[in-house]
Amino acid sequence: MHYYTFNIGDYRRDTTHLSLLEHGIYRQLIDTYYLSEKPLNKDFDELMRSHCVRSADEMQALKNVLKDFFLETEKGYFHKACDRQIKQFKEKSEKARLSAEARWKPSESDRNADGMRTHSEGNANGMLTNNHKPITKKKTISVVKPDDVSQEVWDDYRVSRKVALTSTALQTIVNEAKKAGWTTEAALRESILRGWRGFKADWVKRDQSRDQVNGRSGI
């Protein structure tokens, strides 16, 4: 996940006892949790290194935050609120994917109709004389998948978009994602989730502002 809602009131209520140093470390840990979508590394030394914890004060702050907000298990440090929001995100993404597949999957009648058209077209081509040219289909230009987008997300977006994706449309999405500070894959994931054909930086900025006003939180 590259985006999650943040409720200022709930956060302050739960973290009034934290120092400024502990606040910074807590937010860094949460960002890592959402980006990886899995528990934090149980190896404390590795956790320190990956979050640039160097001094004794920072080390103690990290220990305090882990103790107050995370559950230590054999698989790592779990955060219940983060897990809940990640689960909701995955469920919405899966529903969007299945909905897109259902819309684009041909029905039995469609397949039969395709078969009849193919047969009829074959007969028609056989009846052509030298004065007629066979009907040819327009060549479809294939848009190349960006290197920073996984094949799974690319395929899901192409299905959910509903209309053909052109190079110009893709470049617009890439440019808008950069304006929003997002990766191309994050922009495509959000478009799948929200049923968007494209992506605009203003759209996500508007939604983020609305979420802050409404007081939504995943923390």
N, C-alpha and C. Protein backbone atom coordinates (compact mmCIF):
# COMPACT_ATOMS: atom_id res chain seq x y z
N MET A 1 0.84 -1.20 0.00
CA MET A 1 0.00 0.00 0.00
C MET A 1 0.88 1.25 0.00
N HIS A 2 0.48 2.24 -0.82
CA HIS A 2 1.21 3.50 -0.85
C HIS A 2 0.38 4.66 -0.31
N TYR A 3 -0.81 4.33 0.22
CA TYR A 3 -1.70 5.38 0.74
C TYR A 3 -2.57 4.79 1.83
N TYR A 4 -2.73 5.52 2.93
CA TYR A 4 -3.64 5.10 3.97
C TYR A 4 -4.21 6.33 4.67
N THR A 5 -5.42 6.20 5.22
CA THR A 5 -6.06 7.32 5.87
C THR A 5 -5.44 7.56 7.25
N PHE A 6 -5.48 8.81 7.68
CA PHE A 6 -4.84 9.17 8.95
C PHE A 6 -5.77 10.10 9.73
N ASN A 7 -6.18 9.66 10.91
CA ASN A 7 -7.06 10.45 11.77
C ASN A 7 -6.21 11.13 12.85
N ILE A 8 -6.11 12.44 12.76
CA ILE A 8 -5.25 13.18 13.69
C ILE A 8 -5.74 13.04 15.13
N GLY A 9 -7.06 13.12 15.32
CA GLY A 9 -7.60 13.02 16.68
C GLY A 9 -7.30 11.68 17.32
N ASP A 10 -7.53 10.59 16.60
CA ASP A 10 -7.26 9.27 17.15
C ASP A 10 -5.77 9.09 17.43
N TYR A 11 -4.95 9.59 16.51
CA TYR A 11 -3.51 9.42 16.69
C TYR A 11 -3.03 10.15 17.95
N ARG A 12 -3.47 11.39 18.12
CA ARG A 12 -3.03 12.15 19.29
C ARG A 12 -3.55 11.53 20.58
N ARG A 13 -4.76 11.00 20.52
CA ARG A 13 -5.32 10.35 21.72
C ARG A 13 -4.47 9.16 22.14
N ASP A 14 -3.97 8.38 21.16
CA ASP A 14 -3.23 7.17 21.47
C ASP A 14 -1.74 7.40 21.73
N THR A 15 -1.25 8.60 21.36
CA THR A 15 0.21 8.81 21.42
C THR A 15 0.61 10.02 22.25
N THR A 16 -0.27 10.47 23.14
CA THR A 16 0.06 11.67 23.93
C THR A 16 1.28 11.47 24.82
N HIS A 17 1.61 10.23 25.13
CA HIS A 17 2.73 9.95 26.03
C HIS A 17 4.07 9.87 25.31
N LEU A 18 4.06 9.94 23.99
CA LEU A 18 5.30 9.77 23.22
C LEU A 18 6.11 11.06 23.16
N SER A 19 7.43 10.91 23.13
CA SER A 19 8.31 12.05 22.90
C SER A 19 8.34 12.33 21.40
N LEU A 20 8.90 13.47 21.03
CA LEU A 20 9.01 13.78 19.60
C LEU A 20 9.84 12.74 18.87
N LEU A 21 10.86 12.23 19.51
CA LEU A 21 11.70 11.20 18.91
C LEU A 21 10.88 9.92 18.70
N GLU A 22 10.09 9.55 19.69
CA GLU A 22 9.25 8.35 19.58
C GLU A 22 8.18 8.52 18.51
N HIS A 23 7.64 9.73 18.37
CA HIS A 23 6.66 10.00 17.31
C HIS A 23 7.27 9.71 15.94
N GLY A 24 8.48 10.22 15.73
CA GLY A 24 9.13 10.03 14.43
C GLY A 24 9.38 8.56 14.12
N ILE A 25 9.83 7.82 15.11
CA ILE A 25 10.11 6.40 14.90
C ILE A 25 8.82 5.63 14.67
N TYR A 26 7.77 5.97 15.41
CA TYR A 26 6.49 5.28 15.25
C TYR A 26 5.94 5.46 13.83
N ARG A 27 5.98 6.69 13.32
CA ARG A 27 5.47 6.94 11.97
C ARG A 27 6.30 6.21 10.91
N GLN A 28 7.61 6.14 11.14
CA GLN A 28 8.47 5.41 10.20
C GLN A 28 8.13 3.92 10.18
N LEU A 29 7.89 3.36 11.35
CA LEU A 29 7.54 1.94 11.43
C LEU A 29 6.20 1.65 10.74
N ILE A 30 5.23 2.54 10.94
CA ILE A 30 3.93 2.35 10.30
C ILE A 30 4.04 2.44 8.78
N ASP A 31 4.82 3.40 8.29
CA ASP A 31 5.02 3.52 6.84
C ASP A 31 5.62 2.23 6.27
N THR A 32 6.60 1.69 6.96
CA THR A 32 7.23 0.44 6.52
C THR A 32 6.21 -0.69 6.49
N TYR A 33 5.37 -0.74 7.51
CA TYR A 33 4.35 -1.80 7.62
C TYR A 33 3.40 -1.77 6.43
N TYR A 34 2.92 -0.58 6.09
CA TYR A 34 1.98 -0.45 4.97
C TYR A 34 2.65 -0.72 3.63
N LEU A 35 3.87 -0.25 3.46
CA LEU A 35 4.57 -0.45 2.19
C LEU A 35 4.83 -1.93 1.92
N SER A 36 5.25 -2.66 2.96
CA SER A 36 5.57 -4.07 2.80
C SER A 36 4.34 -4.97 2.95
N GLU A 37 3.29 -4.44 3.61
CA GLU A 37 2.05 -5.19 3.86
C GLU A 37 2.33 -6.49 4.63
N LYS A 38 3.23 -6.41 5.56
CA LYS A 38 3.55 -7.57 6.40
C LYS A 38 4.16 -7.10 7.71
N PRO A 39 4.26 -7.99 8.73
CA PRO A 39 4.81 -7.60 10.04
C PRO A 39 6.25 -7.11 9.92
N LEU A 40 6.66 -6.30 10.91
CA LEU A 40 8.03 -5.80 10.94
C LEU A 40 9.00 -6.92 11.28
N ASN A 41 10.22 -6.78 10.81
CA ASN A 41 11.27 -7.76 11.05
C ASN A 41 11.48 -7.99 12.55
N LYS A 42 11.54 -9.24 12.95
CA LYS A 42 11.72 -9.57 14.37
C LYS A 42 13.17 -9.36 14.82
N ASP A 43 14.10 -9.32 13.85
CA ASP A 43 15.51 -9.09 14.15
C ASP A 43 15.69 -7.61 14.52
N PHE A 44 15.91 -7.34 15.81
CA PHE A 44 15.97 -5.96 16.29
C PHE A 44 17.11 -5.19 15.65
N ASP A 45 18.26 -5.83 15.48
CA ASP A 45 19.41 -5.15 14.87
C ASP A 45 19.10 -4.75 13.43
N GLU A 46 18.43 -5.64 12.70
CA GLU A 46 18.05 -5.34 11.31
C GLU A 46 17.01 -4.23 11.27
N LEU A 47 16.10 -4.24 12.25
CA LEU A 47 15.07 -3.21 12.33
C LEU A 47 15.71 -1.85 12.61
N MET A 48 16.72 -1.83 13.45
CA MET A 48 17.46 -0.60 13.73
C MET A 48 18.14 -0.09 12.47
N ARG A 49 18.81 -0.98 11.77
CA ARG A 49 19.57 -0.59 10.58
C ARG A 49 18.66 -0.08 9.46
N SER A 50 17.53 -0.75 9.25
CA SER A 50 16.63 -0.36 8.17
C SER A 50 15.88 0.93 8.45
N HIS A 51 15.86 1.36 9.73
CA HIS A 51 15.17 2.60 10.08
C HIS A 51 16.14 3.66 10.62
N CYS A 52 17.42 3.45 10.36
CA CYS A 52 18.46 4.45 10.69
C CYS A 52 18.49 4.81 12.17
N VAL A 53 18.24 3.83 13.02
CA VAL A 53 18.34 4.03 14.47
C VAL A 53 19.80 3.86 14.87
N ARG A 54 20.40 4.93 15.40
CA ARG A 54 21.84 4.91 15.66
C ARG A 54 22.20 5.13 17.14
N SER A 55 21.66 6.19 17.72
CA SER A 55 22.07 6.55 19.08
C SER A 55 21.34 5.70 20.13
N ALA A 56 21.84 5.81 21.37
CA ALA A 56 21.23 5.07 22.48
C ALA A 56 19.80 5.56 22.72
N ASP A 57 19.58 6.87 22.60
CA ASP A 57 18.23 7.42 22.80
C ASP A 57 17.27 6.89 21.73
N GLU A 58 17.73 6.82 20.49
CA GLU A 58 16.90 6.31 19.41
C GLU A 58 16.59 4.83 19.61
N MET A 59 17.57 4.09 20.09
CA MET A 59 17.37 2.66 20.34
C MET A 59 16.31 2.46 21.42
N GLN A 60 16.38 3.24 22.48
CA GLN A 60 15.40 3.11 23.56
C GLN A 60 14.02 3.53 23.08
N ALA A 61 13.95 4.57 22.24
CA ALA A 61 12.68 5.02 21.70
C ALA A 61 12.05 3.94 20.84
N LEU A 62 12.87 3.25 20.05
CA LEU A 62 12.37 2.16 19.21
C LEU A 62 11.80 1.04 20.08
N LYS A 63 12.49 0.70 21.14
CA LYS A 63 12.01 -0.34 22.05
C LYS A 63 10.67 0.07 22.68
N ASN A 64 10.57 1.33 23.07
CA ASN A 64 9.34 1.81 23.71
C ASN A 64 8.15 1.72 22.75
N VAL A 65 8.36 2.15 21.51
CA VAL A 65 7.29 2.15 20.52
C VAL A 65 6.85 0.72 20.20
N LEU A 66 7.80 -0.17 20.03
CA LEU A 66 7.46 -1.57 19.75
C LEU A 66 6.65 -2.17 20.90
N LYS A 67 7.04 -1.85 22.11
CA LYS A 67 6.35 -2.38 23.29
C LYS A 67 4.93 -1.84 23.40
N ASP A 68 4.74 -0.55 23.06
CA ASP A 68 3.44 0.10 23.25
C ASP A 68 2.42 -0.20 22.15
N PHE A 69 2.90 -0.41 20.91
CA PHE A 69 1.97 -0.47 19.79
C PHE A 69 2.03 -1.75 18.95
N PHE A 70 3.01 -2.59 19.18
CA PHE A 70 3.15 -3.78 18.34
C PHE A 70 3.14 -5.06 19.18
N LEU A 71 2.71 -6.14 18.54
CA LEU A 71 2.67 -7.44 19.20
C LEU A 71 3.81 -8.30 18.65
N GLU A 72 4.71 -8.70 19.53
CA GLU A 72 5.86 -9.50 19.10
C GLU A 72 5.46 -10.98 19.01
N THR A 73 5.74 -11.59 17.87
CA THR A 73 5.49 -13.01 17.64
C THR A 73 6.71 -13.63 16.98
N GLU A 74 6.64 -14.92 16.71
CA GLU A 74 7.73 -15.60 16.04
C GLU A 74 7.91 -15.11 14.61
N LYS A 75 6.83 -14.59 14.02
CA LYS A 75 6.89 -14.13 12.63
C LYS A 75 7.24 -12.65 12.50
N GLY A 76 7.31 -11.94 13.61
CA GLY A 76 7.65 -10.53 13.57
C GLY A 76 6.75 -9.70 14.46
N TYR A 77 6.81 -8.39 14.29
CA TYR A 77 6.00 -7.46 15.08
C TYR A 77 4.72 -7.10 14.32
N PHE A 78 3.58 -7.44 14.90
CA PHE A 78 2.28 -7.19 14.27
C PHE A 78 1.65 -5.91 14.81
N HIS A 79 0.86 -5.25 13.95
CA HIS A 79 0.11 -4.06 14.33
C HIS A 79 -1.34 -4.27 13.89
N LYS A 80 -2.26 -4.39 14.85
CA LYS A 80 -3.64 -4.78 14.54
C LYS A 80 -4.34 -3.80 13.61
N ALA A 81 -4.20 -2.49 13.87
CA ALA A 81 -4.89 -1.50 13.04
C ALA A 81 -4.36 -1.52 11.61
N CYS A 82 -3.06 -1.66 11.46
CA CYS A 82 -2.45 -1.74 10.13
C CYS A 82 -2.95 -2.99 9.40
N ASP A 83 -2.98 -4.11 10.10
CA ASP A 83 -3.45 -5.36 9.49
C ASP A 83 -4.90 -5.23 9.02
N ARG A 84 -5.70 -4.54 9.82
CA ARG A 84 -7.11 -4.38 9.48
C ARG A 84 -7.27 -3.55 8.20
N GLN A 85 -6.50 -2.48 8.09
CA GLN A 85 -6.62 -1.64 6.90
C GLN A 85 -6.03 -2.31 5.66
N ILE A 86 -4.96 -3.07 5.82
CA ILE A 86 -4.37 -3.81 4.70
C ILE A 86 -5.36 -4.85 4.20
N LYS A 87 -6.04 -5.53 5.12
CA LYS A 87 -7.04 -6.53 4.74
C LYS A 87 -8.16 -5.90 3.94
N GLN A 88 -8.66 -4.75 4.39
CA GLN A 88 -9.72 -4.04 3.69
C GLN A 88 -9.28 -3.63 2.29
N PHE A 89 -8.05 -3.17 2.17
CA PHE A 89 -7.51 -2.75 0.87
C PHE A 89 -7.45 -3.93 -0.09
N LYS A 90 -6.97 -5.08 0.39
CA LYS A 90 -6.85 -6.26 -0.47
C LYS A 90 -8.23 -6.78 -0.88
N GLU A 91 -9.18 -6.73 0.05
CA GLU A 91 -10.54 -7.19 -0.28
C GLU A 91 -11.16 -6.30 -1.35
N LYS A 92 -10.97 -4.99 -1.25
CA LYS A 92 -11.51 -4.08 -2.25
C LYS A 92 -10.84 -4.31 -3.61
N SER A 93 -9.52 -4.53 -3.59
CA SER A 93 -8.80 -4.76 -4.83
C SER A 93 -9.28 -6.05 -5.50
N GLU A 94 -9.49 -7.09 -4.69
CA GLU A 94 -9.94 -8.37 -5.24
C GLU A 94 -11.35 -8.24 -5.82
N LYS A 95 -12.24 -7.51 -5.12
CA LYS A 95 -13.59 -7.31 -5.63
C LYS A 95 -13.57 -6.55 -6.94
N ALA A 96 -12.69 -5.55 -7.03
CA ALA A 96 -12.59 -4.78 -8.26
C ALA A 96 -12.08 -5.64 -9.40
N ARG A 97 -11.12 -6.52 -9.09
CA ARG A 97 -10.56 -7.40 -10.12
C ARG A 97 -11.61 -8.39 -10.63
N LEU A 98 -12.34 -9.01 -9.69
CA LEU A 98 -13.37 -9.98 -10.07
C LEU A 98 -14.50 -9.30 -10.85
N SER A 99 -14.84 -8.08 -10.44
CA SER A 99 -15.89 -7.35 -11.13
C SER A 99 -15.48 -7.03 -12.56
N ALA A 100 -14.20 -6.65 -12.72
CA ALA A 100 -13.70 -6.34 -14.05
C ALA A 100 -13.68 -7.58 -14.93
N GLU A 101 -13.26 -8.71 -14.35
CA GLU A 101 -13.24 -9.96 -15.12
C GLU A 101 -14.65 -10.37 -15.54
N ALA A 102 -15.61 -10.18 -14.62
CA ALA A 102 -16.99 -10.57 -14.92
C ALA A 102 -17.56 -9.72 -16.05
N ARG A 103 -17.18 -8.44 -16.05
CA ARG A 103 -17.70 -7.55 -17.10
C ARG A 103 -17.12 -7.90 -18.47
N TRP A 104 -15.88 -8.39 -18.47
CA TRP A 104 -15.21 -8.63 -19.74
C TRP A 104 -15.23 -10.08 -20.19
N LYS A 105 -15.66 -10.99 -19.33
CA LYS A 105 -15.71 -12.39 -19.72
C LYS A 105 -16.87 -12.63 -20.67
N PRO A 106 -16.63 -13.17 -21.87
CA PRO A 106 -17.72 -13.36 -22.83
C PRO A 106 -18.71 -14.42 -22.37
N SER A 107 -19.98 -14.18 -22.61
CA SER A 107 -21.02 -15.14 -22.25
C SER A 107 -21.06 -16.25 -23.31
N GLU A 108 -21.86 -17.29 -23.02
CA GLU A 108 -21.99 -18.40 -23.96
C GLU A 108 -22.59 -17.92 -25.28
N SER A 109 -23.59 -17.02 -25.19
CA SER A 109 -24.21 -16.50 -26.41
C SER A 109 -23.23 -15.69 -27.23
N ASP A 110 -22.34 -14.95 -26.53
CA ASP A 110 -21.32 -14.17 -27.24
C ASP A 110 -20.37 -15.09 -27.98
N ARG A 111 -19.98 -16.19 -27.32
CA ARG A 111 -19.03 -17.12 -27.96
C ARG A 111 -19.68 -17.78 -29.17
N ASN A 112 -20.97 -18.12 -29.03
CA ASN A 112 -21.67 -18.72 -30.17
C ASN A 112 -21.77 -17.73 -31.32
N ALA A 113 -22.04 -16.48 -30.97
CA ALA A 113 -22.16 -15.45 -32.00
C ALA A 113 -20.82 -15.25 -32.71
N ASP A 114 -19.72 -15.28 -31.94
CA ASP A 114 -18.40 -15.16 -32.55
C ASP A 114 -18.14 -16.30 -33.51
N GLY A 115 -18.57 -17.50 -33.12
CA GLY A 115 -18.37 -18.66 -33.99
C GLY A 115 -19.16 -18.53 -35.27
N MET A 116 -20.39 -18.02 -35.19
CA MET A 116 -21.21 -17.85 -36.37
C MET A 116 -20.64 -16.78 -37.28
N ARG A 117 -20.09 -15.70 -36.69
CA ARG A 117 -19.51 -14.66 -37.52
C ARG A 117 -18.28 -15.17 -38.25
N THR A 118 -17.48 -15.97 -37.54
CA THR A 118 -16.28 -16.52 -38.17
C THR A 118 -16.64 -17.40 -39.35
N HIS A 119 -17.68 -18.24 -39.17
CA HIS A 119 -18.10 -19.14 -40.24
C HIS A 119 -18.65 -18.34 -41.43
N SER A 120 -19.46 -17.33 -41.14
CA SER A 120 -20.04 -16.53 -42.19
C SER A 120 -18.97 -15.75 -42.94
N GLU A 121 -18.00 -15.21 -42.18
CA GLU A 121 -16.94 -14.45 -42.82
C GLU A 121 -16.11 -15.34 -43.73
N GLY A 122 -15.93 -16.62 -43.30
CA GLY A 122 -15.17 -17.55 -44.13
C GLY A 122 -15.88 -17.82 -45.44
N ASN A 123 -17.20 -17.99 -45.39
CA ASN A 123 -17.97 -18.20 -46.62
C ASN A 123 -17.91 -16.98 -47.51
N ALA A 124 -17.99 -15.80 -46.90
CA ALA A 124 -17.98 -14.57 -47.68
C ALA A 124 -16.65 -14.39 -48.38
N ASN A 125 -15.55 -14.69 -47.68
CA ASN A 125 -14.22 -14.56 -48.28
C ASN A 125 -14.05 -15.52 -49.44
N GLY A 126 -14.70 -16.70 -49.33
CA GLY A 126 -14.59 -17.68 -50.41
C GLY A 126 -15.33 -17.25 -51.65
N MET A 127 -16.31 -16.35 -51.50
CA MET A 127 -17.11 -15.89 -52.64
C MET A 127 -16.52 -14.66 -53.30
N LEU A 128 -15.43 -14.10 -52.74
CA LEU A 128 -14.83 -12.89 -53.32
C LEU A 128 -14.27 -13.19 -54.70
N THR A 129 -14.38 -12.23 -55.62
CA THR A 129 -13.79 -12.36 -56.95
C THR A 129 -12.48 -11.60 -56.98
N ASN A 130 -11.84 -11.58 -58.09
CA ASN A 130 -10.58 -10.87 -58.23
C ASN A 130 -10.75 -9.37 -58.14
N ASN A 131 -11.99 -8.90 -58.24
CA ASN A 131 -12.27 -7.46 -58.17
C ASN A 131 -12.44 -6.96 -56.74
N HIS A 132 -12.35 -7.86 -55.78
CA HIS A 132 -12.54 -7.50 -54.37
C HIS A 132 -11.30 -7.84 -53.57
N LYS A 133 -11.04 -7.01 -52.59
CA LYS A 133 -9.94 -7.29 -51.67
C LYS A 133 -10.52 -7.84 -50.37
N PRO A 134 -9.86 -8.84 -49.78
CA PRO A 134 -10.37 -9.38 -48.51
C PRO A 134 -10.37 -8.32 -47.43
N ILE A 135 -11.36 -8.43 -46.54
CA ILE A 135 -11.45 -7.48 -45.43
C ILE A 135 -10.38 -7.81 -44.40
N THR A 136 -9.62 -6.82 -44.00
CA THR A 136 -8.55 -7.02 -43.02
C THR A 136 -8.86 -6.23 -41.77
N LYS A 137 -8.42 -6.73 -40.63
CA LYS A 137 -8.62 -6.06 -39.36
C LYS A 137 -7.49 -5.07 -39.12
N LYS A 138 -7.84 -3.98 -38.44
CA LYS A 138 -6.82 -2.99 -38.12
C LYS A 138 -5.83 -3.57 -37.11
N LYS A 139 -4.59 -3.27 -37.31
CA LYS A 139 -3.55 -3.77 -36.41
C LYS A 139 -3.58 -3.01 -35.10
N THR A 140 -3.60 -3.75 -33.99
CA THR A 140 -3.61 -3.13 -32.67
C THR A 140 -2.19 -2.86 -32.20
N ILE A 141 -1.94 -1.63 -31.80
CA ILE A 141 -0.61 -1.27 -31.30
C ILE A 141 -0.52 -1.64 -29.83
N SER A 142 0.45 -2.44 -29.50
CA SER A 142 0.60 -2.92 -28.12
C SER A 142 1.37 -1.90 -27.30
N VAL A 143 0.86 -1.57 -26.11
CA VAL A 143 1.53 -0.64 -25.20
C VAL A 143 2.43 -1.44 -24.27
N VAL A 144 3.68 -1.05 -24.17
CA VAL A 144 4.66 -1.80 -23.38
C VAL A 144 4.49 -1.50 -21.89
N LYS A 145 4.52 -2.53 -21.07
CA LYS A 145 4.40 -2.39 -19.62
C LYS A 145 5.61 -1.65 -19.07
N PRO A 146 5.41 -0.62 -18.22
CA PRO A 146 6.53 0.08 -17.58
C PRO A 146 7.32 -0.89 -16.69
N ASP A 147 8.60 -0.65 -16.58
CA ASP A 147 9.47 -1.54 -15.80
C ASP A 147 9.13 -1.55 -14.32
N ASP A 148 8.57 -0.43 -13.80
CA ASP A 148 8.29 -0.34 -12.36
C ASP A 148 6.89 -0.81 -12.00
N VAL A 149 6.23 -1.52 -12.91
CA VAL A 149 4.88 -2.05 -12.66
C VAL A 149 4.91 -3.57 -12.76
N SER A 150 4.37 -4.26 -11.76
CA SER A 150 4.34 -5.72 -11.78
C SER A 150 3.36 -6.22 -12.84
N GLN A 151 3.59 -7.43 -13.33
CA GLN A 151 2.74 -7.98 -14.37
C GLN A 151 1.30 -8.14 -13.89
N GLU A 152 1.13 -8.53 -12.62
CA GLU A 152 -0.21 -8.74 -12.06
C GLU A 152 -1.02 -7.45 -12.07
N VAL A 153 -0.40 -6.36 -11.58
CA VAL A 153 -1.10 -5.07 -11.55
C VAL A 153 -1.37 -4.57 -12.97
N TRP A 154 -0.41 -4.77 -13.86
CA TRP A 154 -0.57 -4.36 -15.26
C TRP A 154 -1.75 -5.06 -15.92
N ASP A 155 -1.83 -6.37 -15.74
CA ASP A 155 -2.93 -7.15 -16.34
C ASP A 155 -4.27 -6.74 -15.76
N ASP A 156 -4.32 -6.56 -14.42
CA ASP A 156 -5.58 -6.18 -13.78
C ASP A 156 -6.05 -4.81 -14.25
N TYR A 157 -5.10 -3.88 -14.42
CA TYR A 157 -5.48 -2.54 -14.86
C TYR A 157 -6.00 -2.56 -16.29
N ARG A 158 -5.34 -3.33 -17.16
CA ARG A 158 -5.77 -3.39 -18.56
C ARG A 158 -7.20 -3.93 -18.66
N VAL A 159 -7.53 -4.87 -17.76
CA VAL A 159 -8.88 -5.45 -17.76
C VAL A 159 -9.90 -4.46 -17.20
N SER A 160 -9.55 -3.80 -16.08
CA SER A 160 -10.51 -2.92 -15.41
C SER A 160 -10.71 -1.60 -16.14
N ARG A 161 -9.78 -1.22 -17.02
CA ARG A 161 -9.87 0.07 -17.71
C ARG A 161 -11.06 0.15 -18.66
N LYS A 162 -11.45 -1.00 -19.25
CA LYS A 162 -12.62 -1.13 -20.13
C LYS A 162 -12.37 -0.66 -21.56
N VAL A 163 -11.51 0.32 -21.75
CA VAL A 163 -11.19 0.79 -23.10
C VAL A 163 -9.70 0.58 -23.36
N ALA A 164 -9.33 0.60 -24.63
CA ALA A 164 -7.94 0.36 -25.01
C ALA A 164 -7.01 1.40 -24.38
N LEU A 165 -5.84 0.95 -23.94
CA LEU A 165 -4.85 1.83 -23.35
C LEU A 165 -3.84 2.24 -24.41
N THR A 166 -3.71 3.54 -24.64
CA THR A 166 -2.76 4.04 -25.63
C THR A 166 -1.48 4.51 -24.94
N SER A 167 -0.45 4.70 -25.73
CA SER A 167 0.82 5.17 -25.18
C SER A 167 0.66 6.56 -24.57
N THR A 168 -0.16 7.38 -25.20
CA THR A 168 -0.38 8.74 -24.69
C THR A 168 -1.10 8.71 -23.35
N ALA A 169 -2.11 7.84 -23.23
CA ALA A 169 -2.84 7.73 -21.97
C ALA A 169 -1.93 7.23 -20.85
N LEU A 170 -1.08 6.23 -21.17
CA LEU A 170 -0.16 5.69 -20.17
C LEU A 170 0.83 6.75 -19.72
N GLN A 171 1.36 7.53 -20.66
CA GLN A 171 2.34 8.56 -20.29
C GLN A 171 1.70 9.62 -19.42
N THR A 172 0.43 9.91 -19.65
CA THR A 172 -0.30 10.87 -18.81
C THR A 172 -0.40 10.35 -17.38
N ILE A 173 -0.69 9.05 -17.23
CA ILE A 173 -0.77 8.45 -15.90
C ILE A 173 0.58 8.52 -15.20
N VAL A 174 1.65 8.20 -15.94
CA VAL A 174 3.02 8.25 -15.37
C VAL A 174 3.34 9.66 -14.89
N ASN A 175 3.03 10.66 -15.71
CA ASN A 175 3.32 12.05 -15.34
C ASN A 175 2.51 12.50 -14.13
N GLU A 176 1.21 12.12 -14.09
CA GLU A 176 0.36 12.51 -12.98
C GLU A 176 0.78 11.82 -11.68
N ALA A 177 1.23 10.57 -11.80
CA ALA A 177 1.70 9.84 -10.62
C ALA A 177 2.92 10.54 -10.02
N LYS A 178 3.83 11.01 -10.88
CA LYS A 178 5.01 11.73 -10.40
C LYS A 178 4.61 13.02 -9.70
N LYS A 179 3.60 13.72 -10.25
CA LYS A 179 3.13 14.96 -9.63
C LYS A 179 2.58 14.70 -8.23
N ALA A 180 1.95 13.52 -8.05
CA ALA A 180 1.37 13.18 -6.75
C ALA A 180 2.39 12.56 -5.80
N GLY A 181 3.61 12.30 -6.32
CA GLY A 181 4.63 11.66 -5.50
C GLY A 181 4.43 10.17 -5.38
N TRP A 182 3.74 9.57 -6.34
CA TRP A 182 3.43 8.14 -6.33
C TRP A 182 4.25 7.44 -7.41
N THR A 183 4.40 6.12 -7.25
CA THR A 183 4.96 5.30 -8.31
C THR A 183 3.85 5.00 -9.32
N THR A 184 4.26 4.58 -10.52
CA THR A 184 3.26 4.23 -11.54
C THR A 184 2.40 3.07 -11.06
N GLU A 185 3.02 2.06 -10.40
CA GLU A 185 2.25 0.91 -9.92
C GLU A 185 1.22 1.33 -8.88
N ALA A 186 1.61 2.25 -7.99
CA ALA A 186 0.67 2.72 -6.97
C ALA A 186 -0.51 3.43 -7.63
N ALA A 187 -0.25 4.21 -8.67
CA ALA A 187 -1.31 4.91 -9.37
C ALA A 187 -2.27 3.93 -10.06
N LEU A 188 -1.71 2.88 -10.65
CA LEU A 188 -2.56 1.89 -11.32
C LEU A 188 -3.38 1.10 -10.30
N ARG A 189 -2.77 0.76 -9.16
CA ARG A 189 -3.50 0.06 -8.10
C ARG A 189 -4.70 0.90 -7.63
N GLU A 190 -4.45 2.19 -7.43
CA GLU A 190 -5.52 3.07 -6.97
C GLU A 190 -6.62 3.18 -8.02
N SER A 191 -6.23 3.22 -9.29
CA SER A 191 -7.21 3.30 -10.37
C SER A 191 -8.07 2.04 -10.42
N ILE A 192 -7.45 0.88 -10.19
CA ILE A 192 -8.21 -0.38 -10.16
C ILE A 192 -9.20 -0.36 -9.00
N LEU A 193 -8.71 0.06 -7.84
CA LEU A 193 -9.53 0.06 -6.64
C LEU A 193 -10.74 0.99 -6.76
N ARG A 194 -10.54 2.14 -7.41
CA ARG A 194 -11.59 3.14 -7.50
C ARG A 194 -12.36 3.10 -8.81
N GLY A 195 -11.99 2.19 -9.71
CA GLY A 195 -12.70 2.07 -10.98
C GLY A 195 -12.40 3.21 -11.94
N TRP A 196 -11.20 3.82 -11.80
CA TRP A 196 -10.81 4.91 -12.69
C TRP A 196 -10.20 4.37 -13.98
N ARG A 197 -10.46 5.07 -15.10
CA ARG A 197 -9.79 4.72 -16.35
C ARG A 197 -8.40 5.34 -16.41
N GLY A 198 -8.24 6.47 -15.77
CA GLY A 198 -6.96 7.16 -15.75
C GLY A 198 -6.58 7.51 -14.33
N PHE A 199 -5.67 8.50 -14.21
CA PHE A 199 -5.20 8.90 -12.88
C PHE A 199 -4.81 10.36 -12.93
N LYS A 200 -5.26 11.12 -11.95
CA LYS A 200 -4.90 12.53 -11.84
C LYS A 200 -4.40 12.82 -10.43
N ALA A 201 -3.32 13.58 -10.34
CA ALA A 201 -2.78 13.94 -9.03
C ALA A 201 -3.81 14.70 -8.21
N ASP A 202 -4.60 15.54 -8.88
CA ASP A 202 -5.61 16.34 -8.16
C ASP A 202 -6.68 15.45 -7.52
N TRP A 203 -6.97 14.29 -8.16
CA TRP A 203 -8.00 13.40 -7.60
C TRP A 203 -7.60 12.89 -6.23
N VAL A 204 -6.36 12.39 -6.12
CA VAL A 204 -5.94 11.80 -4.85
C VAL A 204 -5.70 12.87 -3.80
N LYS A 205 -5.24 14.05 -4.23
CA LYS A 205 -5.06 15.14 -3.27
C LYS A 205 -6.41 15.57 -2.71
N ARG A 206 -7.43 15.59 -3.59
CA ARG A 206 -8.77 15.96 -3.16
C ARG A 206 -9.32 14.94 -2.17
N ASP A 207 -9.10 13.64 -2.46
CA ASP A 207 -9.60 12.59 -1.57
C ASP A 207 -8.88 12.61 -0.22
N GLN A 208 -7.57 12.89 -0.25
CA GLN A 208 -6.82 12.96 0.99
C GLN A 208 -7.32 14.10 1.87
N SER A 209 -7.62 15.23 1.24
CA SER A 209 -8.14 16.38 1.99
C SER A 209 -9.50 16.06 2.58
N ARG A 210 -10.35 15.36 1.80
CA ARG A 210 -11.68 14.99 2.29
C ARG A 210 -11.59 14.03 3.47
N ASP A 211 -10.63 13.07 3.38
CA ASP A 211 -10.48 12.09 4.46
C ASP A 211 -10.05 12.76 5.75
N GLN A 212 -9.17 13.78 5.62
CA GLN A 212 -8.70 14.47 6.82
C GLN A 212 -9.84 15.26 7.46
N VAL A 213 -10.69 15.86 6.62
CA VAL A 213 -11.83 16.62 7.15
C VAL A 213 -12.83 15.69 7.82
N ASN A 214 -13.06 14.53 7.21
CA ASN A 214 -14.04 13.57 7.76
C ASN A 214 -13.49 12.81 8.95
N GLY A 215 -12.16 12.88 9.17
CA GLY A 215 -11.59 12.22 10.34
C GLY A 215 -11.49 10.75 10.24
N ARG A 216 -11.10 10.22 9.03
CA ARG A 216 -10.93 8.78 8.88
C ARG A 216 -9.53 8.39 9.32
N SER A 217 -9.40 7.17 9.81
CA SER A 217 -8.09 6.74 10.30
C SER A 217 -7.89 5.27 10.11
N GLY A 218 -6.60 4.89 9.84
CA GLY A 218 -6.26 3.47 9.79
C GLY A 218 -5.24 3.15 10.84
N ILE A 219 -5.03 4.08 11.77
CA ILE A 219 -3.99 3.89 12.78
C ILE A 219 -4.63 3.62 14.12
